[in-house]
Amino acid sequence: MTIRLTLWIPLLAYVGFLWAGQGSRSFNSNTIIGVLLGAVLGFCLAFIFTRRARRKRAKGSNLLKPSGLF
């Protein structure tokens, strides 16, 4: 999960910075809100993708176990 966190949070924080459209010369509240929203969205996406990967891994390991139906 740490790799996903280190990739998604700064990446989407930067996207939020660009989305604010202010540039580095005028660092105002719009820029800060854009960066914070991007970071929160990045954290949420990293969390969602991590849970999805764990669920797929768990489902795959259950398929390898013999079932009690036979």
PDB file of N, CA and C in Angstrom:
ATOM      1  N   MET A   1       0.822  -1.188   0.000  1.00  0.00           N
ATOM      2  CA  MET A   1       0.000   0.000   0.000  1.00  0.00           C
ATOM      3  C   MET A   1       0.865   1.251   0.000  1.00  0.00           C
ATOM      4  N   THR A   2       2.067   1.162   0.552  1.00  0.00           N
ATOM      5  CA  THR A   2       2.889   2.357   0.645  1.00  0.00           C
ATOM      6  C   THR A   2       3.317   2.859  -0.730  1.00  0.00           C
ATOM      7  N   ILE A   3       3.520   1.945  -1.679  1.00  0.00           N
ATOM      8  CA  ILE A   3       3.887   2.386  -3.022  1.00  0.00           C
ATOM      9  C   ILE A   3       2.727   3.136  -3.660  1.00  0.00           C
ATOM     10  N   ARG A   4       1.532   2.605  -3.501  1.00  0.00           N
ATOM     11  CA  ARG A   4       0.369   3.290  -4.064  1.00  0.00           C
ATOM     12  C   ARG A   4       0.172   4.647  -3.411  1.00  0.00           C
ATOM     13  N   LEU A   5       0.360   4.719  -2.106  1.00  0.00           N
ATOM     14  CA  LEU A   5       0.211   6.002  -1.426  1.00  0.00           C
ATOM     15  C   LEU A   5       1.244   7.008  -1.899  1.00  0.00           C
ATOM     16  N   THR A   6       2.479   6.549  -2.046  1.00  0.00           N
ATOM     17  CA  THR A   6       3.527   7.487  -2.457  1.00  0.00           C
ATOM     18  C   THR A   6       3.365   7.924  -3.905  1.00  0.00           C
ATOM     19  N   LEU A   7       2.651   7.164  -4.699  1.00  0.00           N
ATOM     20  CA  LEU A   7       2.431   7.566  -6.086  1.00  0.00           C
ATOM     21  C   LEU A   7       1.163   8.399  -6.262  1.00  0.00           C
ATOM     22  N   TRP A   8       0.050   7.937  -5.724  1.00  0.00           N
ATOM     23  CA  TRP A   8      -1.230   8.583  -5.974  1.00  0.00           C
ATOM     24  C   TRP A   8      -1.373   9.929  -5.276  1.00  0.00           C
ATOM     25  N   ILE A   9      -0.955  10.032  -4.022  1.00  0.00           N
ATOM     26  CA  ILE A   9      -1.181  11.282  -3.281  1.00  0.00           C
ATOM     27  C   ILE A   9      -0.425  12.455  -3.903  1.00  0.00           C
ATOM     28  N   PRO A  10       0.891  12.363  -4.122  1.00  0.00           N
ATOM     29  CA  PRO A  10       1.557  13.529  -4.730  1.00  0.00           C
ATOM     30  C   PRO A  10       1.115  13.790  -6.166  1.00  0.00           C
ATOM     31  N   LEU A  11       0.827  12.721  -6.910  1.00  0.00           N
ATOM     32  CA  LEU A  11       0.406  12.902  -8.289  1.00  0.00           C
ATOM     33  C   LEU A  11      -0.909  13.680  -8.364  1.00  0.00           C
ATOM     34  N   LEU A  12      -1.882  13.269  -7.589  1.00  0.00           N
ATOM     35  CA  LEU A  12      -3.161  13.964  -7.641  1.00  0.00           C
ATOM     36  C   LEU A  12      -3.124  15.304  -6.913  1.00  0.00           C
ATOM     37  N   ALA A  13      -2.224  15.473  -5.956  1.00  0.00           N
ATOM     38  CA  ALA A  13      -2.037  16.802  -5.366  1.00  0.00           C
ATOM     39  C   ALA A  13      -1.501  17.756  -6.429  1.00  0.00           C
ATOM     40  N   TYR A  14      -0.593  17.280  -7.252  1.00  0.00           N
ATOM     41  CA  TYR A  14      -0.073  18.111  -8.348  1.00  0.00           C
ATOM     42  C   TYR A  14      -1.163  18.406  -9.375  1.00  0.00           C
ATOM     43  N   VAL A  15      -2.007  17.411  -9.672  1.00  0.00           N
ATOM     44  CA  VAL A  15      -3.128  17.634 -10.585  1.00  0.00           C
ATOM     45  C   VAL A  15      -4.069  18.685 -10.005  1.00  0.00           C
ATOM     46  N   GLY A  16      -4.315  18.624  -8.697  1.00  0.00           N
ATOM     47  CA  GLY A  16      -5.140  19.650  -8.056  1.00  0.00           C
ATOM     48  C   GLY A  16      -4.504  21.023  -8.130  1.00  0.00           C
ATOM     49  N   PHE A  17      -3.181  21.073  -8.012  1.00  0.00           N
ATOM     50  CA  PHE A  17      -2.456  22.332  -8.147  1.00  0.00           C
ATOM     51  C   PHE A  17      -2.615  22.891  -9.555  1.00  0.00           C
ATOM     52  N   LEU A  18      -2.475  22.028 -10.550  1.00  0.00           N
ATOM     53  CA  LEU A  18      -2.656  22.471 -11.931  1.00  0.00           C
ATOM     54  C   LEU A  18      -4.105  22.860 -12.210  1.00  0.00           C
ATOM     55  N   TRP A  19      -5.028  22.123 -11.606  1.00  0.00           N
ATOM     56  CA  TRP A  19      -6.447  22.377 -11.806  1.00  0.00           C
ATOM     57  C   TRP A  19      -6.845  23.742 -11.257  1.00  0.00           C
ATOM     58  N   ALA A  20      -6.184  24.178 -10.178  1.00  0.00           N
ATOM     59  CA  ALA A  20      -6.472  25.494  -9.619  1.00  0.00           C
ATOM     60  C   ALA A  20      -6.104  26.586 -10.612  1.00  0.00           C
ATOM     61  N   GLY A  21      -5.123  26.331 -11.455  1.00  0.00           N
ATOM     62  CA  GLY A  21      -4.789  27.248 -12.532  1.00  0.00           C
ATOM     63  C   GLY A  21      -4.152  28.548 -12.095  1.00  0.00           C
ATOM     64  N   GLN A  22      -3.611  28.607 -10.902  1.00  0.00           N
ATOM     65  CA  GLN A  22      -3.043  29.853 -10.409  1.00  0.00           C
ATOM     66  C   GLN A  22      -1.556  29.969 -10.714  1.00  0.00           C
ATOM     67  N   GLY A  23      -0.858  28.877 -10.768  1.00  0.00           N
ATOM     68  CA  GLY A  23       0.583  28.904 -10.969  1.00  0.00           C
ATOM     69  C   GLY A  23       1.299  29.126  -9.649  1.00  0.00           C
ATOM     70  N   SER A  24       2.603  29.040  -9.680  1.00  0.00           N
ATOM     71  CA  SER A  24       3.370  29.156  -8.439  1.00  0.00           C
ATOM     72  C   SER A  24       3.554  30.603  -7.994  1.00  0.00           C
ATOM     73  N   ARG A  25       3.268  31.570  -8.866  1.00  0.00           N
ATOM     74  CA  ARG A  25       3.455  32.969  -8.491  1.00  0.00           C
ATOM     75  C   ARG A  25       2.396  33.449  -7.511  1.00  0.00           C
ATOM     76  N   SER A  26       1.168  32.979  -7.662  1.00  0.00           N
ATOM     77  CA  SER A  26       0.096  33.406  -6.754  1.00  0.00           C
ATOM     78  C   SER A  26      -0.443  32.188  -6.022  1.00  0.00           C
ATOM     79  N   PHE A  27       0.113  31.944  -4.867  1.00  0.00           N
ATOM     80  CA  PHE A  27      -0.263  30.782  -4.061  1.00  0.00           C
ATOM     81  C   PHE A  27      -1.343  31.223  -3.085  1.00  0.00           C
ATOM     82  N   ASN A  28      -2.611  31.079  -3.472  1.00  0.00           N
ATOM     83  CA  ASN A  28      -3.718  31.548  -2.641  1.00  0.00           C
ATOM     84  C   ASN A  28      -4.588  30.384  -2.178  1.00  0.00           C
ATOM     85  N   SER A  29      -5.750  30.704  -1.650  1.00  0.00           N
ATOM     86  CA  SER A  29      -6.612  29.665  -1.081  1.00  0.00           C
ATOM     87  C   SER A  29      -7.126  28.691  -2.140  1.00  0.00           C
ATOM     88  N   ASN A  30      -7.341  29.143  -3.357  1.00  0.00           N
ATOM     89  CA  ASN A  30      -7.784  28.228  -4.416  1.00  0.00           C
ATOM     90  C   ASN A  30      -6.734  27.162  -4.693  1.00  0.00           C
ATOM     91  N   THR A  31      -5.483  27.571  -4.690  1.00  0.00           N
ATOM     92  CA  THR A  31      -4.397  26.623  -4.924  1.00  0.00           C
ATOM     93  C   THR A  31      -4.308  25.617  -3.785  1.00  0.00           C
ATOM     94  N   ILE A  32      -4.429  26.093  -2.560  1.00  0.00           N
ATOM     95  CA  ILE A  32      -4.354  25.214  -1.395  1.00  0.00           C
ATOM     96  C   ILE A  32      -5.510  24.224  -1.397  1.00  0.00           C
ATOM     97  N   ILE A  33      -6.705  24.694  -1.703  1.00  0.00           N
ATOM     98  CA  ILE A  33      -7.873  23.800  -1.749  1.00  0.00           C
ATOM     99  C   ILE A  33      -7.699  22.765  -2.863  1.00  0.00           C
ATOM    100  N   GLY A  34      -7.178  23.184  -4.016  1.00  0.00           N
ATOM    101  CA  GLY A  34      -6.946  22.239  -5.108  1.00  0.00           C
ATOM    102  C   GLY A  34      -5.946  21.165  -4.730  1.00  0.00           C
ATOM    103  N   VAL A  35      -4.872  21.557  -4.052  1.00  0.00           N
ATOM    104  CA  VAL A  35      -3.862  20.585  -3.624  1.00  0.00           C
ATOM    105  C   VAL A  35      -4.447  19.631  -2.584  1.00  0.00           C
ATOM    106  N   LEU A  36      -5.195  20.161  -1.618  1.00  0.00           N
ATOM    107  CA  LEU A  36      -5.792  19.309  -0.584  1.00  0.00           C
ATOM    108  C   LEU A  36      -6.818  18.339  -1.169  1.00  0.00           C
ATOM    109  N   LEU A  37      -7.653  18.820  -2.068  1.00  0.00           N
ATOM    110  CA  LEU A  37      -8.628  17.919  -2.703  1.00  0.00           C
ATOM    111  C   LEU A  37      -7.934  16.838  -3.520  1.00  0.00           C
ATOM    112  N   GLY A  38      -6.878  17.210  -4.220  1.00  0.00           N
ATOM    113  CA  GLY A  38      -6.121  16.223  -4.985  1.00  0.00           C
ATOM    114  C   GLY A  38      -5.473  15.188  -4.085  1.00  0.00           C
ATOM    115  N   ALA A  39      -4.921  15.633  -2.946  1.00  0.00           N
ATOM    116  CA  ALA A  39      -4.279  14.696  -2.020  1.00  0.00           C
ATOM    117  C   ALA A  39      -5.306  13.747  -1.400  1.00  0.00           C
ATOM    118  N   VAL A  40      -6.466  14.265  -1.032  1.00  0.00           N
ATOM    119  CA  VAL A  40      -7.513  13.406  -0.457  1.00  0.00           C
ATOM    120  C   VAL A  40      -8.009  12.410  -1.498  1.00  0.00           C
ATOM    121  N   LEU A  41      -8.205  12.869  -2.711  1.00  0.00           N
ATOM    122  CA  LEU A  41      -8.631  11.967  -3.779  1.00  0.00           C
ATOM    123  C   LEU A  41      -7.570  10.909  -4.057  1.00  0.00           C
ATOM    124  N   GLY A  42      -6.307  11.302  -4.028  1.00  0.00           N
ATOM    125  CA  GLY A  42      -5.222  10.340  -4.215  1.00  0.00           C
ATOM    126  C   GLY A  42      -5.192   9.294  -3.122  1.00  0.00           C
ATOM    127  N   PHE A  43      -5.408   9.720  -1.871  1.00  0.00           N
ATOM    128  CA  PHE A  43      -5.451   8.761  -0.765  1.00  0.00           C
ATOM    129  C   PHE A  43      -6.617   7.795  -0.940  1.00  0.00           C
ATOM    130  N   CYS A  44      -7.777   8.317  -1.320  1.00  0.00           N
ATOM    131  CA  CYS A  44      -8.950   7.452  -1.513  1.00  0.00           C
ATOM    132  C   CYS A  44      -8.718   6.439  -2.632  1.00  0.00           C
ATOM    133  N   LEU A  45      -8.146   6.891  -3.741  1.00  0.00           N
ATOM    134  CA  LEU A  45      -7.877   5.965  -4.845  1.00  0.00           C
ATOM    135  C   LEU A  45      -6.850   4.907  -4.454  1.00  0.00           C
ATOM    136  N   ALA A  46      -5.812   5.308  -3.741  1.00  0.00           N
ATOM    137  CA  ALA A  46      -4.816   4.328  -3.295  1.00  0.00           C
ATOM    138  C   ALA A  46      -5.451   3.304  -2.373  1.00  0.00           C
ATOM    139  N   PHE A  47      -6.322   3.746  -1.486  1.00  0.00           N
ATOM    140  CA  PHE A  47      -7.012   2.844  -0.564  1.00  0.00           C
ATOM    141  C   PHE A  47      -7.920   1.888  -1.323  1.00  0.00           C
ATOM    142  N   ILE A  48      -8.671   2.403  -2.293  1.00  0.00           N
ATOM    143  CA  ILE A  48      -9.591   1.573  -3.072  1.00  0.00           C
ATOM    144  C   ILE A  48      -8.830   0.523  -3.883  1.00  0.00           C
ATOM    145  N   PHE A  49      -7.754   0.946  -4.562  1.00  0.00           N
ATOM    146  CA  PHE A  49      -7.001   0.004  -5.382  1.00  0.00           C
ATOM    147  C   PHE A  49      -6.275  -1.033  -4.533  1.00  0.00           C
ATOM    148  N   THR A  50      -5.846  -0.658  -3.337  1.00  0.00           N
ATOM    149  CA  THR A  50      -5.191  -1.613  -2.450  1.00  0.00           C
ATOM    150  C   THR A  50      -6.180  -2.669  -1.972  1.00  0.00           C
ATOM    151  N   ARG A  51      -7.370  -2.237  -1.581  1.00  0.00           N
ATOM    152  CA  ARG A  51      -8.396  -3.200  -1.153  1.00  0.00           C
ATOM    153  C   ARG A  51      -8.787  -4.124  -2.305  1.00  0.00           C
ATOM    154  N   ARG A  52      -8.872  -3.576  -3.502  1.00  0.00           N
ATOM    155  CA  ARG A  52      -9.225  -4.385  -4.667  1.00  0.00           C
ATOM    156  C   ARG A  52      -8.162  -5.447  -4.928  1.00  0.00           C
ATOM    157  N   ALA A  53      -6.898  -5.067  -4.829  1.00  0.00           N
ATOM    158  CA  ALA A  53      -5.814  -6.027  -5.059  1.00  0.00           C
ATOM    159  C   ALA A  53      -5.813  -7.116  -3.994  1.00  0.00           C
ATOM    160  N   ARG A  54      -6.055  -6.742  -2.743  1.00  0.00           N
ATOM    161  CA  ARG A  54      -6.111  -7.745  -1.669  1.00  0.00           C
ATOM    162  C   ARG A  54      -7.285  -8.692  -1.859  1.00  0.00           C
ATOM    163  N   ARG A  55      -8.419  -8.136  -2.298  1.00  0.00           N
ATOM    164  CA  ARG A  55      -9.599  -8.978  -2.506  1.00  0.00           C
ATOM    165  C   ARG A  55      -9.364  -9.958  -3.645  1.00  0.00           C
ATOM    166  N   LYS A  56      -8.725  -9.498  -4.730  1.00  0.00           N
ATOM    167  CA  LYS A  56      -8.425 -10.403  -5.842  1.00  0.00           C
ATOM    168  C   LYS A  56      -7.445 -11.484  -5.416  1.00  0.00           C
ATOM    169  N   ARG A  57      -6.450 -11.101  -4.605  1.00  0.00           N
ATOM    170  CA  ARG A  57      -5.475 -12.073  -4.128  1.00  0.00           C
ATOM    171  C   ARG A  57      -6.140 -13.114  -3.235  1.00  0.00           C
ATOM    172  N   ALA A  58      -7.043 -12.670  -2.372  1.00  0.00           N
ATOM    173  CA  ALA A  58      -7.737 -13.591  -1.474  1.00  0.00           C
ATOM    174  C   ALA A  58      -8.681 -14.502  -2.261  1.00  0.00           C
ATOM    175  N   LYS A  59      -9.345 -13.950  -3.250  1.00  0.00           N
ATOM    176  CA  LYS A  59     -10.253 -14.761  -4.066  1.00  0.00           C
ATOM    177  C   LYS A  59      -9.475 -15.799  -4.859  1.00  0.00           C
ATOM    178  N   GLY A  60      -8.309 -15.433  -5.362  1.00  0.00           N
ATOM    179  CA  GLY A  60      -7.481 -16.373  -6.112  1.00  0.00           C
ATOM    180  C   GLY A  60      -6.956 -17.486  -5.243  1.00  0.00           C
ATOM    181  N   SER A  61      -6.617 -17.187  -3.998  1.00  0.00           N
ATOM    182  CA  SER A  61      -6.114 -18.240  -3.114  1.00  0.00           C
ATOM    183  C   SER A  61      -7.243 -19.170  -2.683  1.00  0.00           C
ATOM    184  N   ASN A  62      -8.470 -18.667  -2.630  1.00  0.00           N
ATOM    185  CA  ASN A  62      -9.606 -19.542  -2.296  1.00  0.00           C
ATOM    186  C   ASN A  62      -9.917 -20.501  -3.433  1.00  0.00           C
ATOM    187  N   LEU A  63      -9.627 -20.104  -4.668  1.00  0.00           N
ATOM    188  CA  LEU A  63      -9.888 -20.979  -5.792  1.00  0.00           C
ATOM    189  C   LEU A  63      -8.934 -22.163  -5.824  1.00  0.00           C
ATOM    190  N   LEU A  64      -7.763 -21.988  -5.236  1.00  0.00           N
ATOM    191  CA  LEU A  64      -6.778 -23.077  -5.227  1.00  0.00           C
ATOM    192  C   LEU A  64      -7.073 -24.128  -4.161  1.00  0.00           C
ATOM    193  N   LYS A  65      -7.860 -23.772  -3.158  1.00  0.00           N
ATOM    194  CA  LYS A  65      -8.176 -24.727  -2.087  1.00  0.00           C
ATOM    195  C   LYS A  65      -9.265 -25.685  -2.570  1.00  0.00           C
ATOM    196  N   PRO A  66      -9.189 -26.943  -2.186  1.00  0.00           N
ATOM    197  CA  PRO A  66     -10.262 -27.872  -2.566  1.00  0.00           C
ATOM    198  C   PRO A  66     -11.529 -27.556  -1.768  1.00  0.00           C
ATOM    199  N   SER A  67     -12.629 -27.605  -2.432  1.00  0.00           N
ATOM    200  CA  SER A  67     -13.900 -27.313  -1.755  1.00  0.00           C
ATOM    201  C   SER A  67     -14.453 -28.601  -1.149  1.00  0.00           C
ATOM    202  N   GLY A  68     -15.362 -28.449  -0.201  1.00  0.00           N
ATOM    203  CA  GLY A  68     -15.944 -29.588   0.475  1.00  0.00           C
ATOM    204  C   GLY A  68     -17.186 -30.128  -0.215  1.00  0.00           C
ATOM    205  N   LEU A  69     -17.406 -29.740  -1.471  1.00  0.00           N
ATOM    206  CA  LEU A  69     -18.616 -30.156  -2.164  1.00  0.00           C
ATOM    207  C   LEU A  69     -18.512 -31.556  -2.737  1.00  0.00           C
ATOM    208  N   PHE A  70     -17.324 -32.084  -2.943  1.00  0.00           N
ATOM    209  CA  PHE A  70     -17.180 -33.386  -3.588  1.00  0.00           C
ATOM    210  C   PHE A  70     -17.052 -34.503  -2.597  1.00  0.00           C
TER     211      PHE A  70
END
